[in-house]
Amino acid sequence: MTDDRHHRIRQRAHAIWESQGRPHGQDRDHWDQATREVDAEDAVAQKKPAPAAASAKPKAVARVAVAKRPAAKPAARKTK
């Protein structure tokens, strides 16, 4: 389980526990309910289409003239 998912489940289970009046001995039920809810949220998030800006074709990039450096001169060879 990823740390983020675990953290979200823990927070949701705590909220459920508090909303039910902080009952004793129902921690497993709260955890299971929180897990189902977080998994359902993730499933919905994965099915959402990408935002229009992200799914649109990239626009043409303007080419910028770049000054070319002169080619490096080959090193002089030493002859014996």
C-alpha atoms as a PDB file:
ATOM      1  CA  MET A   1       0.000   0.000   0.000  1.00  0.00           C
ATOM      2  CA  THR A   2       1.420   3.368  -0.893  1.00  0.00           C
ATOM      3  CA  ASP A   3       2.047   5.854   1.877  1.00  0.00           C
ATOM      4  CA  ASP A   4      -0.393   8.346   0.366  1.00  0.00           C
ATOM      5  CA  ARG A   5      -3.173   5.771   0.047  1.00  0.00           C
ATOM      6  CA  HIS A   6      -2.547   4.503   3.585  1.00  0.00           C
ATOM      7  CA  HIS A   7      -2.664   8.059   4.916  1.00  0.00           C
ATOM      8  CA  ARG A   8      -5.923   8.791   3.092  1.00  0.00           C
ATOM      9  CA  ILE A   9      -7.524   5.594   4.412  1.00  0.00           C
ATOM     10  CA  ARG A  10      -6.364   6.372   7.949  1.00  0.00           C
ATOM     11  CA  GLN A  11      -7.798   9.894   7.780  1.00  0.00           C
ATOM     12  CA  ARG A  12     -11.092   8.649   6.339  1.00  0.00           C
ATOM     13  CA  ALA A  13     -11.395   5.860   8.957  1.00  0.00           C
ATOM     14  CA  HIS A  14     -10.828   8.410  11.708  1.00  0.00           C
ATOM     15  CA  ALA A  15     -13.512  10.691  10.252  1.00  0.00           C
ATOM     16  CA  ILE A  16     -15.955   7.766  10.101  1.00  0.00           C
ATOM     17  CA  TRP A  17     -15.141   6.841  13.696  1.00  0.00           C
ATOM     18  CA  GLU A  18     -15.770  10.398  14.857  1.00  0.00           C
ATOM     19  CA  SER A  19     -18.976  10.741  12.805  1.00  0.00           C
ATOM     20  CA  GLN A  20     -20.349   7.619  14.511  1.00  0.00           C
ATOM     21  CA  GLY A  21     -19.697   8.999  18.000  1.00  0.00           C
ATOM     22  CA  ARG A  22     -16.267   7.402  18.565  1.00  0.00           C
ATOM     23  CA  PRO A  23     -17.556   3.911  19.332  1.00  0.00           C
ATOM     24  CA  HIS A  24     -15.181   1.368  20.828  1.00  0.00           C
ATOM     25  CA  GLY A  25     -14.317  -1.865  18.993  1.00  0.00           C
ATOM     26  CA  GLN A  26     -15.404  -0.962  15.476  1.00  0.00           C
ATOM     27  CA  ASP A  27     -12.005   0.095  14.149  1.00  0.00           C
ATOM     28  CA  ARG A  28     -11.823  -2.745  11.613  1.00  0.00           C
ATOM     29  CA  ASP A  29     -15.261  -1.862  10.214  1.00  0.00           C
ATOM     30  CA  HIS A  30     -14.242   1.790   9.905  1.00  0.00           C
ATOM     31  CA  TRP A  31     -10.973   0.841   8.199  1.00  0.00           C
ATOM     32  CA  ASP A  32     -12.751  -1.439   5.717  1.00  0.00           C
ATOM     33  CA  GLN A  33     -15.346   1.232   4.911  1.00  0.00           C
ATOM     34  CA  ALA A  34     -12.623   3.863   4.467  1.00  0.00           C
ATOM     35  CA  THR A  35     -10.690   1.511   2.170  1.00  0.00           C
ATOM     36  CA  ARG A  36     -13.740   0.988  -0.029  1.00  0.00           C
ATOM     37  CA  GLU A  37     -14.392   4.722  -0.217  1.00  0.00           C
ATOM     38  CA  VAL A  38     -10.790   5.625  -1.074  1.00  0.00           C
ATOM     39  CA  ASP A  39     -10.626   2.879  -3.707  1.00  0.00           C
ATOM     40  CA  ALA A  40     -13.897   4.133  -5.221  1.00  0.00           C
ATOM     41  CA  GLU A  41     -12.525   7.691  -5.355  1.00  0.00           C
ATOM     42  CA  ASP A  42      -9.370   6.459  -7.063  1.00  0.00           C
ATOM     43  CA  ALA A  43     -11.366   4.441  -9.597  1.00  0.00           C
ATOM     44  CA  VAL A  44     -13.456   7.491 -10.504  1.00  0.00           C
ATOM     45  CA  ALA A  45     -10.337   9.664 -10.764  1.00  0.00           C
ATOM     46  CA  GLN A  46      -8.724   7.189 -13.174  1.00  0.00           C
ATOM     47  CA  LYS A  47     -11.766   7.167 -15.458  1.00  0.00           C
ATOM     48  CA  LYS A  48     -11.941  10.952 -15.809  1.00  0.00           C
ATOM     49  CA  PRO A  49     -10.796  12.196 -19.202  1.00  0.00           C
ATOM     50  CA  ALA A  50      -7.662  14.272 -19.269  1.00  0.00           C
ATOM     51  CA  PRO A  51      -8.195  18.031 -19.167  1.00  0.00           C
ATOM     52  CA  ALA A  52      -8.587  19.593 -22.611  1.00  0.00           C
ATOM     53  CA  ALA A  53      -5.279  21.432 -22.367  1.00  0.00           C
ATOM     54  CA  ALA A  54      -3.378  18.259 -21.543  1.00  0.00           C
ATOM     55  CA  SER A  55      -5.014  16.127 -24.224  1.00  0.00           C
ATOM     56  CA  ALA A  56      -4.778  18.690 -27.021  1.00  0.00           C
ATOM     57  CA  LYS A  57      -2.133  18.288 -29.665  1.00  0.00           C
ATOM     58  CA  PRO A  58       0.931  20.348 -28.905  1.00  0.00           C
ATOM     59  CA  LYS A  59       1.175  23.565 -30.854  1.00  0.00           C
ATOM     60  CA  ALA A  60       3.993  24.107 -33.285  1.00  0.00           C
ATOM     61  CA  VAL A  61       7.036  25.538 -31.626  1.00  0.00           C
ATOM     62  CA  ALA A  62       8.548  28.581 -33.243  1.00  0.00           C
ATOM     63  CA  ARG A  63      12.059  27.955 -34.408  1.00  0.00           C
ATOM     64  CA  VAL A  64      14.592  30.396 -33.153  1.00  0.00           C
ATOM     65  CA  ALA A  65      17.676  31.148 -35.162  1.00  0.00           C
ATOM     66  CA  VAL A  66      20.716  30.008 -33.306  1.00  0.00           C
ATOM     67  CA  ALA A  67      24.097  31.335 -34.221  1.00  0.00           C
ATOM     68  CA  LYS A  68      26.374  28.513 -35.199  1.00  0.00           C
ATOM     69  CA  ARG A  69      29.771  28.341 -33.681  1.00  0.00           C
ATOM     70  CA  PRO A  70      32.641  28.022 -36.073  1.00  0.00           C
ATOM     71  CA  ALA A  71      33.839  24.484 -36.350  1.00  0.00           C
ATOM     72  CA  ALA A  72      36.706  23.689 -34.074  1.00  0.00           C
ATOM     73  CA  LYS A  73      40.017  23.606 -35.835  1.00  0.00           C
ATOM     74  CA  PRO A  74      41.739  20.255 -35.678  1.00  0.00           C
ATOM     75  CA  ALA A  75      44.741  20.170 -33.423  1.00  0.00           C
ATOM     76  CA  ALA A  76      48.030  20.462 -35.261  1.00  0.00           C
ATOM     77  CA  ARG A  77      49.811  17.159 -35.571  1.00  0.00           C
ATOM     78  CA  LYS A  78      53.330  16.921 -34.443  1.00  0.00           C
ATOM     79  CA  THR A  79      55.613  15.215 -36.850  1.00  0.00           C
ATOM     80  CA  LYS A  80      58.851  13.574 -35.911  1.00  0.00           C
END
